[in-house]
Amino acid sequence: MLHVSAIAASCDDDPDNEYPACHVHQQDWGVPVRLTEAGTGRLPLVLAGMDA
């Protein structure tokens, strides 16, 4: 089992906004892992709906 934890912050970037809001996103994943030669080289983990 691979356990991954992530915390990220994002803030509004509008110079006209006097009080920009910041948002904190936190996610934990428990991923069962099996290594094989046919496996992929990428493990997508989606944080706050984004996978980039």
N, C-alpha and C. Protein backbone atom coordinates (compact mmCIF):
# COMPACT_ATOMS: atom_id res chain seq x y z
N MET A 1 0.86 -1.17 0.00
CA MET A 1 0.00 0.00 0.00
C MET A 1 0.90 1.23 0.00
N LEU A 2 0.63 2.14 -0.92
CA LEU A 2 1.32 3.42 -1.00
C LEU A 2 0.40 4.48 -0.40
N HIS A 3 0.92 5.23 0.57
CA HIS A 3 0.12 6.29 1.19
C HIS A 3 0.71 7.62 0.78
N VAL A 4 -0.11 8.49 0.19
CA VAL A 4 0.33 9.81 -0.26
C VAL A 4 -0.58 10.86 0.37
N SER A 5 0.03 11.91 0.92
CA SER A 5 -0.72 13.04 1.47
C SER A 5 -0.25 14.31 0.79
N ALA A 6 -1.19 15.19 0.47
CA ALA A 6 -0.84 16.46 -0.16
C ALA A 6 -1.67 17.59 0.42
N ILE A 7 -1.03 18.74 0.57
CA ILE A 7 -1.72 19.97 0.97
C ILE A 7 -1.24 21.06 0.03
N ALA A 8 -2.18 21.82 -0.53
CA ALA A 8 -1.83 22.91 -1.44
C ALA A 8 -2.72 24.11 -1.15
N ALA A 9 -2.19 25.29 -1.36
CA ALA A 9 -2.96 26.51 -1.18
C ALA A 9 -3.02 27.26 -2.50
N SER A 10 -4.14 27.87 -2.76
CA SER A 10 -4.29 28.71 -3.96
C SER A 10 -5.01 29.99 -3.54
N CYS A 11 -4.58 31.11 -4.14
CA CYS A 11 -5.17 32.40 -3.80
C CYS A 11 -5.66 33.10 -5.06
N ASP A 12 -6.69 33.92 -4.91
CA ASP A 12 -7.20 34.72 -6.02
C ASP A 12 -6.09 35.67 -6.50
N ASP A 13 -6.00 35.84 -7.81
CA ASP A 13 -4.94 36.67 -8.38
C ASP A 13 -5.56 37.78 -9.23
N ASP A 14 -6.42 38.56 -8.60
CA ASP A 14 -7.09 39.67 -9.29
C ASP A 14 -6.68 40.97 -8.59
N PRO A 15 -5.90 41.83 -9.26
CA PRO A 15 -5.45 43.06 -8.60
C PRO A 15 -6.59 44.00 -8.21
N ASP A 16 -7.76 43.85 -8.81
CA ASP A 16 -8.91 44.69 -8.45
C ASP A 16 -9.61 44.22 -7.18
N ASN A 17 -9.27 43.01 -6.72
CA ASN A 17 -9.89 42.45 -5.51
C ASN A 17 -9.07 42.90 -4.30
N GLU A 18 -9.67 43.76 -3.45
CA GLU A 18 -8.96 44.29 -2.30
C GLU A 18 -8.64 43.21 -1.26
N TYR A 19 -9.51 42.21 -1.14
CA TYR A 19 -9.31 41.14 -0.16
C TYR A 19 -9.39 39.79 -0.87
N PRO A 20 -8.30 39.37 -1.50
CA PRO A 20 -8.33 38.09 -2.22
C PRO A 20 -8.51 36.92 -1.25
N ALA A 21 -9.23 35.93 -1.70
CA ALA A 21 -9.47 34.74 -0.88
C ALA A 21 -8.42 33.69 -1.19
N CYS A 22 -8.04 32.95 -0.16
CA CYS A 22 -7.13 31.82 -0.33
C CYS A 22 -7.85 30.55 0.10
N HIS A 23 -7.54 29.48 -0.57
CA HIS A 23 -8.19 28.20 -0.32
C HIS A 23 -7.11 27.14 -0.07
N VAL A 24 -7.34 26.31 0.92
CA VAL A 24 -6.41 25.21 1.21
C VAL A 24 -7.10 23.91 0.83
N HIS A 25 -6.39 23.09 0.08
CA HIS A 25 -6.91 21.79 -0.35
C HIS A 25 -6.03 20.71 0.27
N GLN A 26 -6.67 19.70 0.82
CA GLN A 26 -5.94 18.59 1.42
C GLN A 26 -6.55 17.28 0.94
N GLN A 27 -5.68 16.34 0.63
CA GLN A 27 -6.16 15.03 0.15
C GLN A 27 -5.19 13.95 0.61
N ASP A 28 -5.73 12.81 0.98
CA ASP A 28 -4.95 11.61 1.29
C ASP A 28 -5.38 10.50 0.36
N TRP A 29 -4.41 9.75 -0.12
CA TRP A 29 -4.69 8.61 -0.99
C TRP A 29 -4.05 7.37 -0.39
N GLY A 30 -4.75 6.27 -0.42
CA GLY A 30 -4.20 4.96 -0.10
C GLY A 30 -4.30 4.14 -1.38
N VAL A 31 -3.17 3.85 -1.99
CA VAL A 31 -3.16 3.22 -3.31
C VAL A 31 -2.52 1.84 -3.22
N PRO A 32 -3.27 0.79 -3.53
CA PRO A 32 -2.64 -0.52 -3.60
C PRO A 32 -1.71 -0.57 -4.81
N VAL A 33 -0.47 -0.98 -4.61
CA VAL A 33 0.53 -0.94 -5.67
C VAL A 33 1.06 -2.35 -5.94
N ARG A 34 1.19 -2.65 -7.22
CA ARG A 34 1.85 -3.87 -7.66
C ARG A 34 2.76 -3.50 -8.82
N LEU A 35 4.04 -3.74 -8.70
CA LEU A 35 5.00 -3.37 -9.74
C LEU A 35 5.13 -4.50 -10.75
N THR A 36 4.94 -4.15 -12.02
CA THR A 36 5.12 -5.09 -13.12
C THR A 36 5.80 -4.36 -14.27
N GLU A 37 6.42 -5.10 -15.17
CA GLU A 37 7.05 -4.48 -16.33
C GLU A 37 6.02 -3.87 -17.28
N ALA A 38 4.79 -4.36 -17.25
CA ALA A 38 3.74 -3.85 -18.13
C ALA A 38 3.01 -2.65 -17.53
N GLY A 39 3.40 -2.23 -16.34
CA GLY A 39 2.71 -1.13 -15.67
C GLY A 39 2.99 0.21 -16.32
N THR A 40 2.19 1.21 -15.94
CA THR A 40 2.36 2.55 -16.48
C THR A 40 3.41 3.32 -15.69
N GLY A 41 3.91 4.40 -16.26
CA GLY A 41 4.91 5.23 -15.60
C GLY A 41 4.31 6.42 -14.89
N ARG A 42 2.98 6.45 -14.76
CA ARG A 42 2.30 7.59 -14.14
C ARG A 42 1.18 7.11 -13.24
N LEU A 43 1.10 7.71 -12.06
CA LEU A 43 0.02 7.43 -11.13
C LEU A 43 -0.76 8.73 -10.93
N PRO A 44 -1.90 8.88 -11.60
CA PRO A 44 -2.66 10.14 -11.46
C PRO A 44 -3.35 10.23 -10.10
N LEU A 45 -3.07 11.31 -9.39
CA LEU A 45 -3.72 11.60 -8.11
C LEU A 45 -4.39 12.96 -8.26
N VAL A 46 -5.69 13.00 -8.12
CA VAL A 46 -6.47 14.21 -8.37
C VAL A 46 -6.64 14.97 -7.06
N LEU A 47 -6.22 16.25 -7.06
CA LEU A 47 -6.36 17.12 -5.91
C LEU A 47 -7.29 18.27 -6.28
N ALA A 48 -8.39 18.41 -5.58
CA ALA A 48 -9.37 19.48 -5.81
C ALA A 48 -9.87 19.48 -7.25
N GLY A 49 -10.05 18.30 -7.82
CA GLY A 49 -10.60 18.19 -9.16
C GLY A 49 -9.63 18.48 -10.28
N MET A 50 -8.33 18.65 -9.95
CA MET A 50 -7.34 18.97 -10.98
C MET A 50 -6.34 17.82 -11.12
N ASP A 51 -6.05 17.46 -12.35
CA ASP A 51 -5.06 16.41 -12.65
C ASP A 51 -4.15 16.95 -13.75
N ALA A 52 -3.21 17.80 -13.35
CA ALA A 52 -2.31 18.41 -14.35
C ALA A 52 -0.87 18.07 -14.05
